Amino acid sequence: MSFNDRKWNLDFITHRNKFFAFSIIFVIAGIISLFTLGLNLGVDFESGSNITIETNESLTNEQIQDDFAAINEDYSPTITLAGENNEIATARFIDVLNNDEVAEVRAYFQETYDAEPTVSTVSPQVGKELAQNAIYAVLIASLGIVIYLAIRYEFLYGAAAIVALLYDAFFIIALFSFLQVEVNVPFIAAVLTVVGYSINDTIVTFDRIRENVKKAKVIKGFDDLAKIVNTSLIQTISRSINTVLTVVFAALSLLLFGGDAIFSFSLALVIGLVAGTYSSMFLAAQLWLVWKARYIKKQRLKPKNPSEEEPIV
C-alpha cells in the first residue's frame, strides 16, 4: 500500500498546535515526575553492590532473603529473579560491600548452592562519573548532529532536528521515571541507539521536504510551505511506519524473551522507536515549517538597502 496525496486525504499541518500542545504537556508532566519520583538509578549510576547467584534449582524471593539474613541479619537487599525457572537471583545492595563481606557471601552460597555468585561493586565516585559521561555522550551526539544537518541542509533543519532528538531522549527518561524502571548502562545504550535511529528518520523526511521545495516554482509564505511539508510527510509516512514496525517487532522480542539483564534496554528501545517516529513527523517537520515561514515573512518585510535599489534614470 502506498500513501500519496491523491489516495489519502491526510492533513498533518492543521493539527500542528495539538501536536505541540501534547508534547509540551508531556514534557511538563515528565519534569514534575523527575522532581517528585526521580529515577530508579541502578547500581551502575548509584553506589552499591550487585550479587548474582545462578543455580540449578528454582529460587524464590523469600528464600534468597532468608539466605542473606543467615549471613548477616542486617542484610536486606532488593531481589530480582530471572531465568525460565527462576534459577537466577540478583541481590542489589545500596551500600558497598567490603572485601570481607563479599568473601563471606561467596563462601555461603558456594557451600549452600555449590555456585559461586558474581559480585559487581560501584563506588559513589565511579557512579557519578558514569552518570556524567552518559550525559556528555548524549550532548556530544546531539551537537554533532546539529553541525552535520546545518552543513548539509541549513541551520533551521538542524535546530528542528535537535529539538526532536532531545524530546525523544526526554520521552524515554520521563516514562522510566513514571514507571520507576531501573536506569542502568544498557539504558544509555538504548537512548543513543534511538537518537541514531530518530535522526535517520528525520533526515529522510527533510530530504523529501528539500526536494519538494526545489521543485516548487513559487513559495510566498506559510500556505505554500504547508502544502510542501504536508505532501512530503504523506510521501514518507509509509516508509516511516514500515521501518519502525520491523524494528519494533525485533525490540519487542528482546523485551519479551531477553530476560531481566536487558529489560531496561529493550523497553527503552521500544518506547524510543515510537517516540522517534512521532517526533520526526509531528515535531521536527512542523517546527521547521513554522520557523521557515517566519523567516520568509521576516525577509519579505525587511527594508531593502538603498544601495541595492536600482538607480533612478
Protein backbone atom coordinates (compact mmCIF):
# COMPACT_ATOMS: atom_id res chain seq x y z
CA MET A 1 0.00 0.00 0.00
CA SER A 2 1.37 3.39 -0.86
CA PHE A 3 0.48 6.69 0.73
CA ASN A 4 0.04 9.52 -1.72
CA ASP A 5 -1.85 12.76 -1.74
CA ARG A 6 -4.36 11.51 -4.31
CA LYS A 7 -5.46 8.40 -2.49
CA TRP A 8 -5.04 9.65 1.07
CA ASN A 9 -6.53 12.95 2.15
CA LEU A 10 -4.26 13.45 5.16
CA ASP A 11 -3.65 16.82 6.73
CA PHE A 12 -0.82 16.87 9.26
CA ILE A 13 -0.38 20.63 9.29
CA THR A 14 -3.82 21.71 10.52
CA HIS A 15 -3.31 19.84 13.81
CA ARG A 16 0.26 21.04 14.44
CA ASN A 17 -0.76 23.06 17.50
CA LYS A 18 -2.32 19.93 19.01
CA PHE A 19 0.95 18.07 18.48
CA PHE A 20 2.90 20.94 20.06
CA ALA A 21 0.46 21.12 22.98
CA PHE A 22 0.65 17.37 23.63
CA SER A 23 4.45 17.46 23.55
CA ILE A 24 4.63 20.43 25.91
CA ILE A 25 2.15 18.87 28.36
CA PHE A 26 4.13 15.63 28.37
CA VAL A 27 7.40 17.48 28.97
CA ILE A 28 5.87 19.36 31.90
CA ALA A 29 4.49 16.11 33.35
CA GLY A 30 7.88 14.49 32.87
CA ILE A 31 9.67 17.31 34.68
CA ILE A 32 7.22 17.04 37.58
CA SER A 33 7.80 13.27 37.72
CA LEU A 34 11.57 13.70 37.73
CA PHE A 35 11.37 16.19 40.60
CA THR A 36 8.92 14.12 42.63
CA LEU A 37 9.57 10.45 41.80
CA GLY A 38 13.04 10.81 40.37
CA LEU A 39 14.80 8.00 38.51
CA ASN A 40 15.27 4.48 39.80
CA LEU A 41 19.04 4.51 39.32
CA GLY A 42 20.72 1.13 39.13
CA VAL A 43 24.00 0.22 40.71
CA ASP A 44 25.76 1.47 37.55
CA PHE A 45 24.92 5.07 38.47
CA GLU A 46 24.48 4.80 42.22
CA SER A 47 26.94 3.38 44.70
CA GLY A 48 26.21 -0.16 45.78
CA SER A 49 26.81 -3.84 45.12
CA ASN A 50 25.05 -6.37 42.90
CA ILE A 51 25.31 -10.06 43.69
CA THR A 52 24.08 -12.58 41.10
CA ILE A 53 23.51 -16.20 42.08
CA GLU A 54 22.92 -18.78 39.34
CA THR A 55 21.85 -22.23 40.49
CA ASN A 56 20.34 -25.42 39.10
CA GLU A 57 17.13 -25.09 41.11
CA SER A 58 14.19 -22.72 41.26
CA LEU A 59 14.61 -19.86 43.70
CA THR A 60 12.15 -17.61 45.49
CA ASN A 61 12.44 -14.07 46.78
CA GLU A 62 11.84 -15.18 50.38
CA GLN A 63 14.43 -17.95 50.09
CA ILE A 64 17.20 -15.57 48.98
CA GLN A 65 16.21 -13.02 51.61
CA ASP A 66 16.50 -15.74 54.26
CA ASP A 67 19.90 -16.72 52.89
CA PHE A 68 21.25 -13.19 53.23
CA ALA A 69 19.67 -12.85 56.68
CA ALA A 70 21.53 -16.02 57.68
CA ILE A 71 24.79 -14.40 56.58
CA ASN A 72 24.03 -11.12 58.34
CA GLU A 73 20.73 -10.20 59.94
CA ASP A 74 21.19 -6.59 58.81
CA TYR A 75 21.23 -7.60 55.14
CA SER A 76 18.01 -6.67 53.30
CA PRO A 77 18.79 -6.42 49.58
CA THR A 78 16.35 -5.95 46.71
CA ILE A 79 15.92 -9.32 44.98
CA THR A 80 15.22 -9.83 41.27
CA LEU A 81 14.62 -13.31 39.82
CA ALA A 82 15.36 -14.33 36.25
CA GLY A 83 15.60 -17.42 34.07
CA GLU A 84 12.95 -19.83 32.82
CA ASN A 85 12.56 -21.43 36.25
CA ASN A 86 13.75 -18.51 38.38
CA GLU A 87 17.12 -20.18 38.79
CA ILE A 88 18.96 -16.83 38.70
CA ALA A 89 18.70 -14.32 41.53
CA THR A 90 20.21 -10.85 41.68
CA ALA A 91 20.52 -9.06 45.00
CA ARG A 92 21.09 -5.33 44.99
CA PHE A 93 22.66 -3.60 47.98
CA ILE A 94 22.52 0.16 48.33
CA ASP A 95 25.70 0.08 50.41
CA VAL A 96 29.06 -1.04 49.03
CA LEU A 97 30.13 -4.38 50.49
CA ASN A 98 33.76 -4.56 51.59
CA ASN A 99 36.13 -7.39 50.68
CA ASP A 100 35.44 -9.38 53.86
CA GLU A 101 31.67 -9.17 53.35
CA VAL A 102 31.98 -10.22 49.71
CA ALA A 103 34.14 -13.18 50.69
CA GLU A 104 31.59 -14.20 53.33
CA VAL A 105 28.72 -14.06 50.82
CA ARG A 106 30.66 -16.06 48.25
CA ALA A 107 31.59 -18.72 50.77
CA TYR A 108 27.97 -19.08 51.97
CA PHE A 109 26.42 -19.52 48.52
CA GLN A 110 29.26 -21.76 47.37
CA GLU A 111 28.57 -24.07 50.31
CA THR A 112 24.76 -23.85 50.14
CA TYR A 113 24.12 -23.98 46.38
CA ASP A 114 27.50 -25.12 45.05
CA ALA A 115 27.52 -21.96 42.93
CA GLU A 116 29.89 -19.05 43.32
CA PRO A 117 28.00 -15.75 42.95
CA THR A 118 29.13 -12.91 40.73
CA VAL A 119 29.71 -9.67 42.60
CA SER A 120 29.87 -6.22 41.00
CA THR A 121 30.52 -3.13 43.08
CA VAL A 122 30.35 0.53 42.09
CA SER A 123 31.76 3.22 44.33
CA PRO A 124 29.99 6.60 44.66
CA GLN A 125 32.74 8.29 42.61
CA VAL A 126 32.50 5.77 39.76
CA GLY A 127 28.70 6.02 39.72
CA LYS A 128 28.91 9.81 39.49
CA GLU A 129 31.42 9.63 36.64
CA LEU A 130 29.26 7.15 34.72
CA ALA A 131 26.23 9.44 35.02
CA GLN A 132 28.25 12.45 33.83
CA ASN A 133 29.73 10.52 30.92
CA ALA A 134 26.25 9.37 29.87
CA ILE A 135 25.04 12.98 29.76
CA TYR A 136 28.15 14.06 27.85
CA ALA A 137 27.61 11.25 25.33
CA VAL A 138 24.07 12.40 24.54
CA LEU A 139 25.10 16.09 24.33
CA ILE A 140 28.09 15.39 22.07
CA ALA A 141 25.97 13.21 19.79
CA SER A 142 23.33 15.95 19.61
CA LEU A 143 25.93 18.63 18.85
CA GLY A 144 27.44 16.53 16.07
CA ILE A 145 24.01 16.02 14.53
CA VAL A 146 23.24 19.76 14.57
CA ILE A 147 26.55 20.58 12.89
CA TYR A 148 26.03 17.89 10.25
CA LEU A 149 22.50 18.99 9.42
CA ALA A 150 23.46 22.67 9.41
CA ILE A 151 26.19 21.93 6.84
CA ARG A 152 24.16 19.52 4.71
CA TYR A 153 20.92 21.47 4.84
CA GLU A 154 20.55 24.70 6.78
CA PHE A 155 20.54 25.77 10.41
CA LEU A 156 16.73 25.59 10.75
CA TYR A 157 16.79 21.90 9.80
CA GLY A 158 19.43 21.25 12.43
CA ALA A 159 17.59 23.21 15.11
CA ALA A 160 14.31 21.40 14.43
CA ALA A 161 16.06 18.02 14.42
CA ILE A 162 17.80 18.63 17.75
CA VAL A 163 14.53 19.65 19.43
CA ALA A 164 13.01 16.39 18.20
CA LEU A 165 16.02 14.37 19.40
CA LEU A 166 16.01 15.95 22.85
CA TYR A 167 12.28 15.25 23.04
CA ASP A 168 12.90 11.57 22.17
CA ALA A 169 15.54 11.23 24.88
CA PHE A 170 13.39 13.05 27.44
CA PHE A 171 10.34 10.96 26.48
CA ILE A 172 12.20 7.77 27.40
CA ILE A 173 13.60 9.24 30.62
CA ALA A 174 10.19 10.58 31.69
CA LEU A 175 8.43 7.25 31.12
CA PHE A 176 11.15 5.44 33.06
CA SER A 177 10.51 7.92 35.86
CA PHE A 178 6.74 7.30 35.69
CA LEU A 179 7.20 3.51 35.69
CA GLN A 180 10.20 3.53 38.08
CA VAL A 181 12.09 1.08 35.87
CA GLU A 182 15.77 0.75 36.75
CA VAL A 183 18.13 3.01 34.81
CA ASN A 184 21.50 1.43 34.02
CA VAL A 185 24.23 1.43 31.37
CA PRO A 186 22.17 -0.60 28.82
CA PHE A 187 19.50 2.10 29.17
CA ILE A 188 22.01 4.74 28.00
CA ALA A 189 22.95 2.49 25.08
CA ALA A 190 19.27 2.31 24.12
CA VAL A 191 18.88 6.11 24.28
CA LEU A 192 21.87 6.61 21.99
CA THR A 193 20.51 3.94 19.63
CA VAL A 194 17.17 5.73 19.48
CA VAL A 195 18.93 9.05 18.81
CA GLY A 196 20.69 7.49 15.82
CA TYR A 197 17.52 5.88 14.51
CA SER A 198 15.42 9.00 15.01
CA ILE A 199 17.83 11.28 13.18
CA ASN A 200 17.88 8.84 10.27
CA ASP A 201 14.09 9.03 10.03
CA THR A 202 14.20 12.82 10.35
CA ILE A 203 16.80 13.14 7.57
CA VAL A 204 14.64 11.06 5.23
CA THR A 205 11.72 13.42 5.89
CA PHE A 206 13.89 16.53 5.48
CA ASP A 207 15.34 15.16 2.25
CA ARG A 208 11.86 14.86 0.78
CA ILE A 209 10.93 18.35 2.01
CA ARG A 210 14.07 19.82 0.44
CA GLU A 211 13.39 18.06 -2.87
CA ASN A 212 9.81 19.35 -2.98
CA VAL A 213 10.97 22.86 -2.04
CA LYS A 214 13.33 22.82 -5.03
CA LYS A 215 10.52 21.67 -7.33
CA ALA A 216 8.16 24.41 -6.16
CA LYS A 217 8.07 27.35 -8.54
CA VAL A 218 6.95 29.96 -6.03
CA ILE A 219 6.97 29.96 -2.22
CA LYS A 220 5.31 33.09 -0.94
CA GLY A 221 4.73 32.14 2.67
CA PHE A 222 3.25 29.73 5.18
CA ASP A 223 0.48 28.30 2.99
CA ASP A 224 2.87 27.30 0.22
CA LEU A 225 5.31 25.78 2.68
CA ALA A 226 2.49 23.95 4.49
CA LYS A 227 1.43 22.24 1.26
CA ILE A 228 5.01 21.18 0.61
CA VAL A 229 5.55 19.80 4.12
CA ASN A 230 2.20 18.00 4.15
CA THR A 231 2.90 16.42 0.77
CA SER A 232 6.36 15.38 1.92
CA LEU A 233 5.00 13.76 5.09
CA ILE A 234 2.39 11.85 3.09
CA GLN A 235 5.11 10.64 0.72
CA THR A 236 7.33 9.38 3.57
CA ILE A 237 4.75 8.09 6.07
CA SER A 238 4.57 4.63 4.51
CA ARG A 239 8.33 4.22 4.69
CA SER A 240 8.48 5.54 8.26
CA ILE A 241 5.72 3.26 9.57
CA ASN A 242 7.02 0.15 7.80
CA THR A 243 10.57 0.73 9.01
CA VAL A 244 9.64 1.41 12.63
CA LEU A 245 7.33 -1.62 12.78
CA THR A 246 10.07 -4.01 11.66
CA VAL A 247 12.46 -2.63 14.28
CA VAL A 248 9.78 -2.51 17.00
CA PHE A 249 8.96 -6.20 16.41
CA ALA A 250 12.62 -7.07 16.97
CA ALA A 251 12.76 -4.85 20.08
CA LEU A 252 9.56 -6.41 21.43
CA SER A 253 11.11 -9.86 21.01
CA LEU A 254 14.07 -8.72 23.11
CA LEU A 255 11.68 -7.25 25.68
CA LEU A 256 9.61 -10.43 25.98
CA PHE A 257 12.34 -13.06 25.75
CA GLY A 258 15.58 -11.24 26.55
CA GLY A 259 15.35 -11.55 30.32
CA ASP A 260 15.94 -9.07 33.12
CA ALA A 261 19.54 -8.38 32.11
CA ILE A 262 18.46 -6.37 29.05
CA PHE A 263 14.93 -5.44 30.13
CA SER A 264 15.69 -1.72 30.55
CA PHE A 265 17.50 -1.66 27.19
CA SER A 266 14.61 -3.36 25.37
CA LEU A 267 11.90 -1.25 27.00
CA ALA A 268 13.78 2.00 26.30
CA LEU A 269 14.26 0.87 22.70
CA VAL A 270 10.55 0.16 22.15
CA ILE A 271 9.49 3.46 23.73
CA GLY A 272 12.16 5.44 21.88
CA LEU A 273 11.38 3.98 18.46
CA VAL A 274 7.73 5.00 18.72
CA ALA A 275 8.68 8.44 20.07
CA GLY A 276 11.26 8.88 17.30
CA THR A 277 8.72 8.28 14.55
CA TYR A 278 6.29 10.69 16.22
CA SER A 279 8.90 13.42 16.64
CA SER A 280 10.21 13.14 13.08
CA MET A 281 6.78 13.67 11.57
CA PHE A 282 4.94 15.80 14.10
CA LEU A 283 7.70 17.83 15.74
CA ALA A 284 10.77 18.22 13.53
CA ALA A 285 8.91 18.81 10.25
CA GLN A 286 6.26 21.00 11.88
CA LEU A 287 8.83 23.12 13.74
CA TRP A 288 10.81 23.64 10.56
CA LEU A 289 7.62 24.76 8.80
CA VAL A 290 6.78 27.35 11.46
CA TRP A 291 10.34 28.68 11.71
CA LYS A 292 10.90 28.75 7.96
CA ALA A 293 7.61 30.57 7.37
CA ARG A 294 8.59 33.20 9.94
CA TYR A 295 12.00 33.57 8.32
CA ILE A 296 10.46 34.10 4.86
CA LYS A 297 7.99 36.62 6.27
CA LYS A 298 10.78 38.49 8.04
CA GLN A 299 12.83 38.59 4.84
CA ARG A 300 9.86 39.93 2.86
CA LEU A 301 9.22 42.68 5.40
CA LYS A 302 12.88 43.56 5.76
CA PRO A 303 13.56 47.02 4.26
CA LYS A 304 15.85 46.97 1.28
CA ASN A 305 19.25 48.57 1.44
CA PRO A 306 19.15 51.79 -0.64
CA SER A 307 22.47 50.85 -2.22
CA GLU A 308 20.82 47.69 -3.60
CA GLU A 309 17.97 49.62 -5.27
CA GLU A 310 18.14 50.38 -8.95
CA PRO A 311 19.22 53.94 -9.72
CA ILE A 312 16.60 56.34 -10.95
CA VAL A 313 17.30 57.43 -14.52
